[in-house]
Amino acid sequence: MAIFASRLMNDRPPMIFEDGLQQRDFVSVKDIALACRLALETPEAAGLVFNIGSGHHYTIKELAERMAEVMDKSYIEPLITEKYRVGDVRHCFADISQARRVLGFKPRIGLEEGLSELVSWLEGQVAVDHVEQASAELSARGLTV
């Protein structure tokens, strides 16, 4: 989200690899902190591994569009490159069922609220956009197809 935000803050389109339909689960750092606290306080958690996420998944294109909307830059459409990065996972989202069951974890911060909090934090920040340079390096190393 930080990379999308830096692009939008510089009035540039968020760059999306593949077709933009790959899915991810974005979770608020506040929910991660909650899950960590619950794991420390729950004796049954000892020795277990938990996936922590929001429990929802979104396409990367949808995330870029929502970020632009929250930043009042919905007129900037994402740039979908149709290039694939070597090693990227098509869909990646957490199964939080064990965290719900053992820890009683329930995410509290939804996507819209999390994006709004991020945008509030970004106000007054200077965003340095390194996307063009990073994309050139990926290409030079043969890591985009």
N, C-alpha and C. Protein backbone atom coordinates (compact mmCIF):
# COMPACT_ATOMS: atom_id res chain seq x y z
N MET A 1 0.82 -1.18 0.00
CA MET A 1 0.00 0.00 0.00
C MET A 1 0.87 1.26 0.00
N ALA A 2 2.03 1.17 0.66
CA ALA A 2 2.93 2.32 0.71
C ALA A 2 3.43 2.69 -0.68
N ILE A 3 3.68 1.70 -1.51
CA ILE A 3 4.17 1.98 -2.87
C ILE A 3 3.06 2.62 -3.69
N PHE A 4 1.85 2.10 -3.58
CA PHE A 4 0.71 2.72 -4.28
C PHE A 4 0.54 4.16 -3.81
N ALA A 5 0.62 4.36 -2.49
CA ALA A 5 0.44 5.70 -1.93
C ALA A 5 1.51 6.66 -2.44
N SER A 6 2.76 6.21 -2.51
CA SER A 6 3.83 7.10 -2.97
C SER A 6 3.59 7.50 -4.43
N ARG A 7 3.12 6.57 -5.22
CA ARG A 7 2.82 6.89 -6.63
C ARG A 7 1.70 7.92 -6.71
N LEU A 8 0.63 7.69 -5.97
CA LEU A 8 -0.52 8.59 -6.01
C LEU A 8 -0.17 9.97 -5.45
N MET A 9 0.65 10.01 -4.40
CA MET A 9 1.05 11.29 -3.83
C MET A 9 1.86 12.12 -4.82
N ASN A 10 2.48 11.44 -5.78
CA ASN A 10 3.25 12.11 -6.82
C ASN A 10 2.47 12.20 -8.13
N ASP A 11 1.14 12.02 -8.02
CA ASP A 11 0.24 12.10 -9.19
C ASP A 11 0.64 11.15 -10.31
N ARG A 12 1.06 9.95 -9.91
CA ARG A 12 1.42 8.92 -10.87
C ARG A 12 0.55 7.70 -10.62
N PRO A 13 0.29 6.93 -11.66
CA PRO A 13 -0.57 5.75 -11.47
C PRO A 13 0.13 4.63 -10.71
N PRO A 14 -0.57 3.97 -9.81
CA PRO A 14 0.00 2.79 -9.17
C PRO A 14 0.32 1.75 -10.24
N MET A 15 1.51 1.16 -10.17
CA MET A 15 1.92 0.16 -11.14
C MET A 15 1.58 -1.23 -10.60
N ILE A 16 0.87 -1.99 -11.42
CA ILE A 16 0.43 -3.32 -11.01
C ILE A 16 0.98 -4.35 -11.98
N PHE A 17 1.65 -5.35 -11.42
CA PHE A 17 2.14 -6.44 -12.24
C PHE A 17 1.00 -7.41 -12.54
N GLU A 18 1.24 -8.31 -13.47
CA GLU A 18 0.25 -9.31 -13.93
C GLU A 18 -0.97 -8.59 -14.49
N ASP A 19 -2.16 -9.13 -14.19
CA ASP A 19 -3.40 -8.56 -14.72
C ASP A 19 -4.19 -7.79 -13.68
N GLY A 20 -3.64 -7.70 -12.47
CA GLY A 20 -4.30 -6.98 -11.39
C GLY A 20 -5.33 -7.80 -10.64
N LEU A 21 -5.55 -9.03 -11.08
CA LEU A 21 -6.58 -9.87 -10.45
C LEU A 21 -6.01 -10.81 -9.39
N GLN A 22 -4.70 -10.76 -9.17
CA GLN A 22 -4.12 -11.55 -8.09
C GLN A 22 -4.67 -11.02 -6.77
N GLN A 23 -4.81 -11.90 -5.80
CA GLN A 23 -5.48 -11.53 -4.55
C GLN A 23 -4.52 -11.53 -3.37
N ARG A 24 -4.77 -10.58 -2.47
CA ARG A 24 -3.99 -10.45 -1.24
C ARG A 24 -4.93 -10.12 -0.09
N ASP A 25 -4.44 -10.39 1.11
CA ASP A 25 -5.15 -10.08 2.36
C ASP A 25 -4.32 -9.00 3.05
N PHE A 26 -4.90 -7.84 3.23
CA PHE A 26 -4.21 -6.76 3.94
C PHE A 26 -4.83 -6.60 5.31
N VAL A 27 -3.97 -6.51 6.32
CA VAL A 27 -4.43 -6.43 7.70
C VAL A 27 -3.77 -5.22 8.36
N SER A 28 -4.51 -4.60 9.24
CA SER A 28 -3.99 -3.44 9.97
C SER A 28 -2.93 -3.88 10.96
N VAL A 29 -1.92 -3.06 11.12
CA VAL A 29 -0.88 -3.33 12.11
C VAL A 29 -1.47 -3.37 13.51
N LYS A 30 -2.56 -2.65 13.72
CA LYS A 30 -3.23 -2.69 15.03
C LYS A 30 -3.80 -4.09 15.29
N ASP A 31 -4.34 -4.73 14.25
CA ASP A 31 -4.85 -6.10 14.41
C ASP A 31 -3.72 -7.09 14.62
N ILE A 32 -2.59 -6.85 13.99
CA ILE A 32 -1.43 -7.72 14.21
C ILE A 32 -0.97 -7.61 15.66
N ALA A 33 -0.91 -6.38 16.17
CA ALA A 33 -0.51 -6.18 17.56
C ALA A 33 -1.50 -6.87 18.50
N LEU A 34 -2.79 -6.79 18.19
CA LEU A 34 -3.80 -7.47 19.00
C LEU A 34 -3.55 -8.97 19.01
N ALA A 35 -3.30 -9.55 17.84
CA ALA A 35 -3.06 -10.99 17.74
C ALA A 35 -1.82 -11.39 18.54
N CYS A 36 -0.78 -10.59 18.48
CA CYS A 36 0.44 -10.88 19.25
C CYS A 36 0.14 -10.85 20.75
N ARG A 37 -0.60 -9.86 21.17
CA ARG A 37 -0.95 -9.78 22.59
C ARG A 37 -1.76 -10.99 23.02
N LEU A 38 -2.76 -11.37 22.20
CA LEU A 38 -3.57 -12.54 22.51
C LEU A 38 -2.72 -13.81 22.59
N ALA A 39 -1.77 -13.94 21.68
CA ALA A 39 -0.90 -15.13 21.69
C ALA A 39 -0.05 -15.18 22.96
N LEU A 40 0.39 -14.03 23.43
CA LEU A 40 1.19 -13.99 24.66
C LEU A 40 0.34 -14.29 25.90
N GLU A 41 -0.92 -13.92 25.85
CA GLU A 41 -1.80 -14.06 27.01
C GLU A 41 -2.57 -15.38 27.05
N THR A 42 -2.52 -16.16 25.98
CA THR A 42 -3.31 -17.38 25.88
C THR A 42 -2.41 -18.60 26.06
N PRO A 43 -2.50 -19.26 27.19
CA PRO A 43 -1.63 -20.43 27.44
C PRO A 43 -1.75 -21.50 26.36
N GLU A 44 -2.93 -21.71 25.79
CA GLU A 44 -3.14 -22.74 24.76
C GLU A 44 -2.39 -22.42 23.46
N ALA A 45 -1.88 -21.19 23.33
CA ALA A 45 -1.16 -20.79 22.12
C ALA A 45 0.28 -21.27 22.10
N ALA A 46 0.78 -21.70 23.24
CA ALA A 46 2.19 -22.09 23.34
C ALA A 46 2.53 -23.16 22.30
N GLY A 47 3.56 -22.91 21.51
CA GLY A 47 4.04 -23.86 20.52
C GLY A 47 3.26 -23.89 19.22
N LEU A 48 2.19 -23.13 19.12
CA LEU A 48 1.38 -23.12 17.90
C LEU A 48 1.81 -21.98 16.98
N VAL A 49 1.46 -22.14 15.71
CA VAL A 49 1.73 -21.12 14.69
C VAL A 49 0.39 -20.59 14.21
N PHE A 50 0.29 -19.28 14.07
CA PHE A 50 -0.96 -18.66 13.66
C PHE A 50 -0.76 -17.81 12.42
N ASN A 51 -1.71 -17.90 11.50
CA ASN A 51 -1.78 -16.97 10.38
C ASN A 51 -2.64 -15.81 10.85
N ILE A 52 -2.16 -14.60 10.62
CA ILE A 52 -2.93 -13.42 11.00
C ILE A 52 -3.20 -12.62 9.74
N GLY A 53 -4.44 -12.27 9.56
CA GLY A 53 -4.87 -11.48 8.42
C GLY A 53 -6.20 -10.86 8.74
N SER A 54 -6.78 -10.24 7.72
CA SER A 54 -8.08 -9.61 7.90
C SER A 54 -9.22 -10.61 7.76
N GLY A 55 -8.92 -11.74 7.11
CA GLY A 55 -9.97 -12.70 6.83
C GLY A 55 -10.69 -12.41 5.51
N HIS A 56 -10.24 -11.36 4.82
CA HIS A 56 -10.82 -10.98 3.52
C HIS A 56 -9.70 -10.83 2.51
N HIS A 57 -10.00 -11.11 1.27
CA HIS A 57 -8.98 -10.89 0.24
C HIS A 57 -9.56 -10.02 -0.86
N TYR A 58 -8.66 -9.26 -1.46
CA TYR A 58 -9.02 -8.28 -2.47
C TYR A 58 -8.05 -8.40 -3.64
N THR A 59 -8.51 -8.03 -4.83
CA THR A 59 -7.57 -8.01 -5.95
C THR A 59 -6.65 -6.81 -5.79
N ILE A 60 -5.47 -6.92 -6.34
CA ILE A 60 -4.51 -5.83 -6.29
C ILE A 60 -5.08 -4.61 -7.01
N LYS A 61 -5.75 -4.84 -8.11
CA LYS A 61 -6.38 -3.72 -8.85
C LYS A 61 -7.40 -3.01 -7.97
N GLU A 62 -8.22 -3.77 -7.27
CA GLU A 62 -9.22 -3.19 -6.39
C GLU A 62 -8.55 -2.38 -5.27
N LEU A 63 -7.47 -2.90 -4.72
CA LEU A 63 -6.75 -2.18 -3.66
C LEU A 63 -6.19 -0.86 -4.18
N ALA A 64 -5.63 -0.87 -5.38
CA ALA A 64 -5.08 0.36 -5.96
C ALA A 64 -6.19 1.38 -6.18
N GLU A 65 -7.33 0.92 -6.68
CA GLU A 65 -8.46 1.82 -6.92
C GLU A 65 -9.02 2.38 -5.61
N ARG A 66 -9.11 1.54 -4.60
CA ARG A 66 -9.61 2.01 -3.30
C ARG A 66 -8.65 3.01 -2.67
N MET A 67 -7.36 2.75 -2.79
CA MET A 67 -6.37 3.69 -2.25
C MET A 67 -6.51 5.04 -2.96
N ALA A 68 -6.63 5.03 -4.27
CA ALA A 68 -6.80 6.27 -5.02
C ALA A 68 -8.07 7.01 -4.58
N GLU A 69 -9.12 6.27 -4.36
CA GLU A 69 -10.39 6.87 -3.93
C GLU A 69 -10.24 7.55 -2.57
N VAL A 70 -9.63 6.86 -1.62
CA VAL A 70 -9.46 7.40 -0.27
C VAL A 70 -8.55 8.64 -0.30
N MET A 71 -7.62 8.68 -1.25
CA MET A 71 -6.70 9.81 -1.36
C MET A 71 -7.26 10.92 -2.25
N ASP A 72 -8.53 10.80 -2.66
CA ASP A 72 -9.18 11.77 -3.55
C ASP A 72 -8.43 11.89 -4.88
N LYS A 73 -7.95 10.74 -5.36
CA LYS A 73 -7.23 10.71 -6.64
C LYS A 73 -7.80 9.61 -7.53
N SER A 74 -9.10 9.41 -7.46
CA SER A 74 -9.71 8.33 -8.23
C SER A 74 -9.62 8.57 -9.74
N TYR A 75 -9.24 9.77 -10.14
CA TYR A 75 -9.03 10.06 -11.56
C TYR A 75 -7.74 9.43 -12.07
N ILE A 76 -6.88 8.95 -11.17
CA ILE A 76 -5.64 8.28 -11.57
C ILE A 76 -5.89 6.77 -11.56
N GLU A 77 -5.96 6.19 -12.73
CA GLU A 77 -6.20 4.75 -12.84
C GLU A 77 -4.89 3.98 -12.76
N PRO A 78 -4.93 2.79 -12.16
CA PRO A 78 -3.70 1.99 -12.07
C PRO A 78 -3.18 1.60 -13.45
N LEU A 79 -1.88 1.46 -13.54
CA LEU A 79 -1.21 0.99 -14.75
C LEU A 79 -0.96 -0.50 -14.58
N ILE A 80 -1.64 -1.30 -15.39
CA ILE A 80 -1.49 -2.76 -15.31
C ILE A 80 -0.47 -3.16 -16.38
N THR A 81 0.66 -3.68 -15.92
CA THR A 81 1.80 -3.91 -16.82
C THR A 81 1.69 -5.19 -17.63
N GLU A 82 0.91 -6.17 -17.14
CA GLU A 82 0.84 -7.49 -17.77
C GLU A 82 2.18 -8.22 -17.70
N LYS A 83 3.13 -7.70 -16.93
CA LYS A 83 4.42 -8.37 -16.73
C LYS A 83 4.33 -9.17 -15.44
N TYR A 84 5.04 -10.26 -15.41
CA TYR A 84 5.04 -11.13 -14.25
C TYR A 84 6.41 -11.09 -13.59
N ARG A 85 6.43 -10.99 -12.27
CA ARG A 85 7.69 -11.02 -11.54
C ARG A 85 7.99 -12.47 -11.17
N VAL A 86 9.20 -12.89 -11.44
CA VAL A 86 9.64 -14.24 -11.12
C VAL A 86 9.47 -14.47 -9.62
N GLY A 87 8.79 -15.56 -9.27
CA GLY A 87 8.63 -15.92 -7.86
C GLY A 87 7.39 -15.37 -7.20
N ASP A 88 6.66 -14.47 -7.87
CA ASP A 88 5.44 -13.94 -7.25
C ASP A 88 4.39 -15.04 -7.11
N VAL A 89 3.65 -14.96 -6.03
CA VAL A 89 2.56 -15.89 -5.76
C VAL A 89 1.29 -15.26 -6.31
N ARG A 90 0.49 -16.04 -7.03
CA ARG A 90 -0.72 -15.49 -7.65
C ARG A 90 -1.72 -14.99 -6.60
N HIS A 91 -2.05 -15.81 -5.64
CA HIS A 91 -2.99 -15.43 -4.59
C HIS A 91 -2.36 -15.74 -3.24
N CYS A 92 -2.48 -14.81 -2.31
CA CYS A 92 -1.88 -15.00 -0.99
C CYS A 92 -2.77 -14.36 0.06
N PHE A 93 -3.44 -15.20 0.83
CA PHE A 93 -4.25 -14.68 1.92
C PHE A 93 -4.28 -15.69 3.04
N ALA A 94 -4.50 -15.18 4.25
CA ALA A 94 -4.35 -15.97 5.46
C ALA A 94 -5.61 -16.76 5.80
N ASP A 95 -5.40 -17.97 6.30
CA ASP A 95 -6.48 -18.75 6.92
C ASP A 95 -6.35 -18.46 8.42
N ILE A 96 -7.25 -17.64 8.93
CA ILE A 96 -7.15 -17.22 10.34
C ILE A 96 -8.02 -18.06 11.27
N SER A 97 -8.49 -19.20 10.79
CA SER A 97 -9.41 -20.01 11.59
C SER A 97 -8.78 -20.46 12.92
N GLN A 98 -7.51 -20.85 12.91
CA GLN A 98 -6.88 -21.29 14.16
C GLN A 98 -6.73 -20.11 15.12
N ALA A 99 -6.40 -18.94 14.61
CA ALA A 99 -6.28 -17.75 15.47
C ALA A 99 -7.64 -17.40 16.07
N ARG A 100 -8.68 -17.55 15.30
CA ARG A 100 -10.04 -17.30 15.83
C ARG A 100 -10.36 -18.30 16.94
N ARG A 101 -10.09 -19.57 16.66
CA ARG A 101 -10.47 -20.65 17.58
C ARG A 101 -9.65 -20.63 18.88
N VAL A 102 -8.34 -20.54 18.76
CA VAL A 102 -7.47 -20.65 19.93
C VAL A 102 -7.33 -19.32 20.67
N LEU A 103 -7.14 -18.24 19.91
CA LEU A 103 -6.88 -16.94 20.52
C LEU A 103 -8.14 -16.10 20.74
N GLY A 104 -9.19 -16.47 20.03
CA GLY A 104 -10.37 -15.60 20.04
C GLY A 104 -10.13 -14.35 19.21
N PHE A 105 -9.17 -14.44 18.27
CA PHE A 105 -8.81 -13.30 17.43
C PHE A 105 -9.92 -12.97 16.45
N LYS A 106 -10.25 -11.72 16.40
CA LYS A 106 -11.20 -11.22 15.40
C LYS A 106 -10.68 -9.87 14.94
N PRO A 107 -10.35 -9.74 13.64
CA PRO A 107 -9.86 -8.46 13.15
C PRO A 107 -10.87 -7.35 13.44
N ARG A 108 -10.36 -6.19 13.82
CA ARG A 108 -11.22 -5.07 14.19
C ARG A 108 -11.20 -3.93 13.18
N ILE A 109 -10.13 -3.83 12.43
CA ILE A 109 -9.96 -2.72 11.50
C ILE A 109 -10.23 -3.21 10.07
N GLY A 110 -11.29 -2.71 9.46
CA GLY A 110 -11.62 -3.08 8.08
C GLY A 110 -10.73 -2.34 7.09
N LEU A 111 -10.80 -2.75 5.85
CA LEU A 111 -9.95 -2.17 4.81
C LEU A 111 -10.15 -0.66 4.70
N GLU A 112 -11.39 -0.21 4.63
CA GLU A 112 -11.64 1.22 4.45
C GLU A 112 -11.08 2.04 5.61
N GLU A 113 -11.30 1.57 6.83
CA GLU A 113 -10.78 2.28 8.00
C GLU A 113 -9.25 2.27 7.99
N GLY A 114 -8.67 1.13 7.66
CA GLY A 114 -7.21 1.04 7.59
C GLY A 114 -6.62 1.96 6.54
N LEU A 115 -7.26 2.03 5.37
CA LEU A 115 -6.78 2.94 4.32
C LEU A 115 -6.91 4.39 4.77
N SER A 116 -8.01 4.71 5.42
CA SER A 116 -8.21 6.09 5.91
C SER A 116 -7.14 6.45 6.94
N GLU A 117 -6.83 5.52 7.84
CA GLU A 117 -5.77 5.77 8.83
C GLU A 117 -4.43 5.98 8.15
N LEU A 118 -4.14 5.17 7.14
CA LEU A 118 -2.88 5.30 6.41
C LEU A 118 -2.81 6.67 5.72
N VAL A 119 -3.89 7.07 5.07
CA VAL A 119 -3.91 8.34 4.36
C VAL A 119 -3.76 9.51 5.35
N SER A 120 -4.38 9.41 6.51
CA SER A 120 -4.21 10.45 7.54
C SER A 120 -2.76 10.55 7.96
N TRP A 121 -2.11 9.41 8.14
CA TRP A 121 -0.70 9.40 8.52
C TRP A 121 0.17 10.00 7.42
N LEU A 122 -0.21 9.78 6.16
CA LEU A 122 0.58 10.26 5.02
C LEU A 122 0.52 11.77 4.85
N GLU A 123 -0.51 12.41 5.39
CA GLU A 123 -0.65 13.86 5.23
C GLU A 123 0.59 14.54 5.78
N GLY A 124 1.16 15.41 4.96
CA GLY A 124 2.36 16.13 5.37
C GLY A 124 3.66 15.37 5.12
N GLN A 125 3.56 14.11 4.71
CA GLN A 125 4.75 13.33 4.40
C GLN A 125 5.22 13.64 2.98
N VAL A 126 6.48 13.45 2.73
CA VAL A 126 7.03 13.58 1.38
C VAL A 126 7.24 12.16 0.87
N ALA A 127 6.66 11.86 -0.27
CA ALA A 127 6.76 10.51 -0.83
C ALA A 127 7.79 10.49 -1.96
N VAL A 128 8.80 9.69 -1.79
CA VAL A 128 9.80 9.51 -2.84
C VAL A 128 9.41 8.27 -3.62
N ASP A 129 9.23 8.44 -4.90
CA ASP A 129 8.74 7.37 -5.77
C ASP A 129 9.93 6.71 -6.48
N HIS A 130 10.22 5.46 -6.12
CA HIS A 130 11.32 4.71 -6.71
C HIS A 130 10.84 3.61 -7.64
N VAL A 131 9.57 3.63 -8.02
CA VAL A 131 8.98 2.53 -8.79
C VAL A 131 9.65 2.35 -10.14
N GLU A 132 9.90 3.43 -10.85
CA GLU A 132 10.53 3.32 -12.18
C GLU A 132 11.91 2.67 -12.07
N GLN A 133 12.69 3.11 -11.10
CA GLN A 133 14.03 2.57 -10.89
C GLN A 133 13.97 1.10 -10.50
N ALA A 134 13.07 0.75 -9.59
CA ALA A 134 12.93 -0.64 -9.15
C ALA A 134 12.49 -1.52 -10.30
N SER A 135 11.56 -1.03 -11.12
CA SER A 135 11.09 -1.82 -12.27
C SER A 135 12.21 -2.04 -13.27
N ALA A 136 13.03 -1.02 -13.49
CA ALA A 136 14.16 -1.16 -14.41
C ALA A 136 15.16 -2.19 -13.89
N GLU A 137 15.39 -2.18 -12.57
CA GLU A 137 16.32 -3.16 -11.98
C GLU A 137 15.77 -4.59 -12.12
N LEU A 138 14.47 -4.76 -11.87
CA LEU A 138 13.87 -6.08 -12.03
C LEU A 138 14.04 -6.58 -13.47
N SER A 139 13.78 -5.70 -14.40
CA SER A 139 13.89 -6.06 -15.82
C SER A 139 15.33 -6.38 -16.20
N ALA A 140 16.28 -5.55 -15.75
CA ALA A 140 17.69 -5.77 -16.06
C ALA A 140 18.21 -7.09 -15.53
N ARG A 141 17.64 -7.55 -14.43
CA ARG A 141 18.06 -8.82 -13.81
C ARG A 141 17.25 -10.01 -14.32
N GLY A 142 16.37 -9.76 -15.28
CA GLY A 142 15.57 -10.85 -15.85
C GLY A 142 14.50 -11.36 -14.92
N LEU A 143 14.03 -10.51 -14.01
CA LEU A 143 13.05 -10.95 -13.01
C LEU A 143 11.62 -10.58 -13.36
N THR A 144 11.43 -9.96 -14.52
CA THR A 144 10.07 -9.73 -15.02
C THR A 144 9.96 -10.34 -16.40
N VAL A 145 8.81 -10.91 -16.64
CA VAL A 145 8.58 -11.57 -17.92
C VAL A 145 7.39 -10.93 -18.59
